[in-house]
Amino acid sequence: MRGSRRASHPRAAAPVLAEHLRSVLWGPAEFVGVPRRLLVEGLLAGGAAAALTVGAGFAGMWGGPRELTTGEPGLLVIAVLVLYLLIRRAGRILVGLVAVLGICLALMSSDVAAGVALQQRGLVEPARVASVQPDSGRGRALCAVTGVDAVPTGAAVWRGCGATTALGDTLPVVYDPEGRAPTRGVAAPGELRAAQLRLAALATAFLTGCACAVARSFRMTAAPRAD
């Protein structure tokens, strides 16, 4: 009898352990029905973070402090949001998902903001190729260009740079006369529009992740404290 009782304890503890792991990884989600208030709260938190993250990059391109163009302020906003989710004891998987999406949003928003700035006020000029090297990360070549006329020296561009590009060739580049956006090769038609759509899709996924993380963080019972 004692042996059978002892053998039953691991079986009884297994569902409790599984429930604990589910609560830690995905959030307790101890609600009944649709948690509208929590979903709204998550959307507001995610929307504020997304607005600040994307807005910082665009503000840096138009009159704001130049430090805003680096994407680092957006990363700080995402860090604050992640801390907020951890305080709410949201599921760790959802917190990690929001963090990854937020980092991508911060980096992509700076790149899209630079593209918009160059489209609005960029000037197209020829630049001379100083060196050509393969970019193993994306499978395309990078050309370092030297300034011709007003083009800044030292920019690295990949648009228009290929295997047949040689030293001394000239490439058309677009540069920012205000020096806020990095110099780039001339973009193909529709390239900026596609980047903006990708940014919008990423922001939507980010908002969805925030809403789910906040909603599933709801617990009706107090979390157990470690002794």
Protein backbone atom coordinates (compact mmCIF):
# COMPACT_ATOMS: atom_id res chain seq x y z
CA MET A 1 0.00 0.00 0.00
CA ARG A 2 2.77 2.40 0.88
CA GLY A 3 4.54 1.63 -2.37
CA SER A 4 1.40 2.29 -4.39
CA ARG A 5 0.83 5.60 -2.60
CA ARG A 6 4.40 6.72 -3.22
CA ALA A 7 4.13 5.76 -6.87
CA SER A 8 0.99 7.85 -7.27
CA HIS A 9 2.63 11.06 -6.12
CA PRO A 10 4.67 11.67 -9.35
CA ARG A 11 1.56 11.05 -11.41
CA ALA A 12 -0.43 13.55 -9.37
CA ALA A 13 2.37 16.12 -9.58
CA ALA A 14 2.75 15.86 -13.35
CA PRO A 15 -0.40 17.90 -14.24
CA VAL A 16 0.56 20.53 -11.65
CA LEU A 17 4.03 20.86 -13.13
CA ALA A 18 2.64 21.05 -16.67
CA GLU A 19 0.21 23.78 -15.62
CA HIS A 20 3.03 25.71 -13.94
CA LEU A 21 5.20 25.51 -17.04
CA ARG A 22 2.30 26.62 -19.24
CA SER A 23 1.67 29.57 -16.93
CA VAL A 24 5.34 30.61 -16.93
CA LEU A 25 5.92 30.19 -20.67
CA TRP A 26 2.59 31.38 -22.09
CA GLY A 27 0.99 33.26 -19.19
CA PRO A 28 -1.69 32.05 -16.74
CA ALA A 29 -4.65 33.34 -18.83
CA GLU A 30 -7.04 32.81 -15.91
CA PHE A 31 -9.95 34.63 -17.51
CA VAL A 32 -13.35 33.57 -18.75
CA GLY A 33 -14.60 34.84 -22.10
CA VAL A 34 -12.87 37.55 -24.10
CA PRO A 35 -10.69 39.85 -21.92
CA ARG A 36 -11.55 43.07 -23.74
CA ARG A 37 -10.05 45.39 -21.13
CA LEU A 38 -6.77 43.51 -21.13
CA LEU A 39 -6.64 43.42 -24.91
CA VAL A 40 -7.20 47.17 -25.04
CA GLU A 41 -4.51 47.68 -22.41
CA GLY A 42 -2.08 45.57 -24.41
CA LEU A 43 -2.88 47.41 -27.63
CA LEU A 44 -2.38 50.77 -25.91
CA ALA A 45 0.96 49.70 -24.44
CA GLY A 46 2.13 48.24 -27.74
CA GLY A 47 0.78 51.18 -29.73
CA ALA A 48 2.58 53.70 -27.54
CA ALA A 49 5.83 51.76 -27.80
CA ALA A 50 5.49 51.36 -31.58
CA ALA A 51 4.67 55.07 -32.03
CA LEU A 52 7.67 56.15 -29.97
CA THR A 53 9.97 53.65 -31.69
CA VAL A 54 8.97 54.54 -35.24
CA GLY A 55 8.51 58.21 -34.45
CA ALA A 56 12.01 58.52 -33.02
CA GLY A 57 13.59 57.43 -36.29
CA PHE A 58 11.51 59.80 -38.38
CA ALA A 59 11.99 62.67 -35.94
CA GLY A 60 15.74 62.24 -36.19
CA MET A 61 15.57 62.65 -39.96
CA TRP A 62 13.56 65.87 -39.74
CA GLY A 63 15.00 68.38 -37.33
CA GLY A 64 15.28 66.26 -34.18
CA PRO A 65 18.50 65.29 -32.43
CA ARG A 66 20.74 63.29 -34.74
CA GLU A 67 21.04 60.56 -32.08
CA LEU A 68 17.45 59.58 -32.90
CA THR A 69 18.51 58.34 -36.35
CA THR A 70 20.54 55.45 -34.93
CA GLY A 71 17.57 53.40 -33.70
CA GLU A 72 18.99 53.25 -30.17
CA PRO A 73 16.16 55.34 -28.63
CA GLY A 74 13.69 52.85 -30.09
CA LEU A 75 15.60 49.98 -28.49
CA LEU A 76 15.35 51.78 -25.15
CA VAL A 77 11.58 52.06 -25.58
CA ILE A 78 11.36 48.33 -26.31
CA ALA A 79 13.44 47.58 -23.20
CA VAL A 80 10.97 49.56 -21.06
CA LEU A 81 8.05 47.68 -22.62
CA VAL A 82 9.71 44.31 -21.96
CA LEU A 83 10.28 45.34 -18.33
CA TYR A 84 6.59 46.24 -18.06
CA LEU A 85 5.59 42.81 -19.38
CA LEU A 86 7.96 41.07 -16.98
CA ILE A 87 6.48 43.01 -14.06
CA ARG A 88 3.05 41.81 -15.15
CA ARG A 89 4.52 38.27 -15.21
CA ALA A 90 3.52 37.74 -18.81
CA GLY A 91 4.48 34.48 -20.49
CA ARG A 92 8.20 34.28 -21.17
CA ILE A 93 7.71 33.08 -24.74
CA LEU A 94 5.40 36.01 -25.53
CA VAL A 95 7.78 38.46 -23.84
CA GLY A 96 10.63 37.13 -25.95
CA LEU A 97 8.51 37.37 -29.09
CA VAL A 98 7.62 40.99 -28.33
CA ALA A 99 11.28 41.78 -27.65
CA VAL A 100 12.44 40.31 -30.97
CA LEU A 101 9.69 42.04 -32.94
CA GLY A 102 10.42 45.31 -31.14
CA ILE A 103 14.12 45.17 -31.95
CA CYS A 104 13.32 44.49 -35.61
CA LEU A 105 10.83 47.37 -35.56
CA ALA A 106 13.40 49.80 -34.14
CA LEU A 107 16.05 48.86 -36.71
CA MET A 108 13.67 48.75 -39.67
CA SER A 109 12.00 52.05 -38.81
CA SER A 110 15.34 53.86 -38.92
CA ASP A 111 16.08 52.35 -42.32
CA VAL A 112 12.65 53.27 -43.72
CA ALA A 113 12.91 56.78 -42.28
CA ALA A 114 16.24 57.23 -44.05
CA GLY A 115 14.66 56.05 -47.31
CA VAL A 116 11.80 58.52 -46.97
CA ALA A 117 14.22 61.36 -46.19
CA LEU A 118 16.32 60.56 -49.25
CA GLN A 119 13.23 60.39 -51.42
CA GLN A 120 12.05 63.78 -50.17
CA ARG A 121 15.28 65.79 -50.22
CA GLY A 122 18.02 63.48 -51.52
CA LEU A 123 20.25 64.53 -54.40
CA VAL A 124 21.52 62.09 -57.02
CA GLU A 125 25.17 62.44 -57.98
CA PRO A 126 27.87 60.15 -59.44
CA ALA A 127 30.43 58.64 -57.07
CA ARG A 128 33.68 56.84 -57.85
CA VAL A 129 34.17 53.25 -56.65
CA ALA A 130 37.15 52.97 -54.30
CA SER A 131 36.82 49.28 -53.39
CA VAL A 132 34.57 46.29 -54.01
CA GLN A 133 34.08 43.51 -51.50
CA PRO A 134 31.54 40.70 -51.20
CA ASP A 135 28.97 40.92 -48.46
CA SER A 136 28.81 37.33 -47.24
CA GLY A 137 25.84 38.03 -45.00
CA ARG A 138 23.39 38.80 -47.80
CA GLY A 139 25.21 37.42 -50.82
CA ARG A 140 25.75 40.74 -52.57
CA ALA A 141 28.70 43.03 -53.21
CA LEU A 142 29.45 46.25 -51.36
CA CYS A 143 31.13 49.20 -53.02
CA ALA A 144 32.95 51.85 -51.04
CA VAL A 145 32.68 55.13 -52.92
CA THR A 146 34.65 58.34 -52.79
CA GLY A 147 33.00 61.70 -53.07
CA VAL A 148 32.58 63.43 -56.37
CA ASP A 149 31.39 67.02 -56.10
CA ALA A 150 29.19 67.11 -52.95
CA VAL A 151 28.87 63.36 -52.34
CA PRO A 152 30.24 62.36 -48.92
CA THR A 153 33.35 60.15 -48.99
CA GLY A 154 33.44 56.72 -47.40
CA ALA A 155 29.88 55.54 -48.01
CA ALA A 156 29.27 51.84 -48.68
CA VAL A 157 26.49 51.08 -51.17
CA TRP A 158 25.15 47.84 -52.65
CA ARG A 159 22.56 49.11 -55.13
CA GLY A 160 24.27 49.19 -58.52
CA CYS A 161 27.32 47.36 -57.16
CA GLY A 162 27.85 43.95 -58.74
CA ALA A 163 30.42 41.39 -59.75
CA THR A 164 31.34 43.38 -62.85
CA THR A 165 31.93 46.62 -60.94
CA ALA A 166 35.61 47.63 -60.98
CA LEU A 167 37.71 50.18 -59.18
CA GLY A 168 37.34 53.64 -60.66
CA ASP A 169 33.84 53.03 -62.03
CA THR A 170 31.18 55.58 -61.26
CA LEU A 171 27.87 54.73 -59.62
CA PRO A 172 24.83 56.96 -59.18
CA VAL A 173 24.19 57.50 -55.48
CA VAL A 174 21.65 59.56 -53.57
CA TYR A 175 22.86 61.54 -50.56
CA ASP A 176 21.27 63.73 -47.92
CA PRO A 177 22.45 67.35 -48.12
CA GLU A 178 21.65 67.69 -44.41
CA GLY A 179 23.85 64.71 -43.57
CA ARG A 180 21.22 62.86 -41.53
CA ALA A 181 20.42 59.93 -43.82
CA PRO A 182 23.26 57.65 -44.97
CA THR A 183 24.27 57.73 -48.63
CA ARG A 184 22.73 54.95 -50.73
CA GLY A 185 22.58 53.70 -54.24
CA VAL A 186 19.58 54.75 -56.27
CA ALA A 187 16.58 52.63 -55.20
CA ALA A 188 14.48 50.72 -57.71
CA PRO A 189 10.91 51.91 -58.33
CA GLY A 190 8.57 50.64 -55.64
CA GLU A 191 11.37 49.61 -53.29
CA LEU A 192 10.52 52.21 -50.64
CA ARG A 193 6.82 51.39 -50.86
CA ALA A 194 7.58 47.71 -50.25
CA ALA A 195 9.74 48.61 -47.25
CA GLN A 196 6.92 50.71 -45.80
CA LEU A 197 4.48 47.82 -46.19
CA ARG A 198 6.91 45.47 -44.44
CA LEU A 199 7.24 47.99 -41.61
CA ALA A 200 3.45 48.20 -41.28
CA ALA A 201 3.16 44.40 -41.20
CA LEU A 202 5.89 44.18 -38.56
CA ALA A 203 4.16 46.85 -36.44
CA THR A 204 0.89 44.89 -36.69
CA ALA A 205 2.58 41.70 -35.51
CA PHE A 206 4.21 43.67 -32.69
CA LEU A 207 0.85 45.04 -31.53
CA THR A 208 -0.71 41.59 -31.68
CA GLY A 209 2.10 40.14 -29.58
CA CYS A 210 1.72 42.89 -26.97
CA ALA A 211 -2.05 42.39 -26.76
CA CYS A 212 -1.67 38.62 -26.32
CA ALA A 213 1.09 38.99 -23.72
CA VAL A 214 -0.90 41.43 -21.58
CA ALA A 215 -4.18 39.51 -21.91
CA ARG A 216 -2.61 36.17 -21.00
CA SER A 217 -0.80 37.69 -18.00
CA PHE A 218 -4.11 37.90 -16.10
CA ARG A 219 -4.32 35.65 -13.07
CA MET A 220 -7.24 35.34 -10.65
CA THR A 221 -5.10 33.87 -7.88
CA ALA A 222 -1.97 35.35 -6.38
CA ALA A 223 1.28 33.94 -7.74
CA PRO A 224 3.07 31.63 -5.32
CA ARG A 225 6.01 33.19 -3.51
CA ALA A 226 9.29 31.44 -3.09
CA ASP A 227 10.18 30.74 0.53
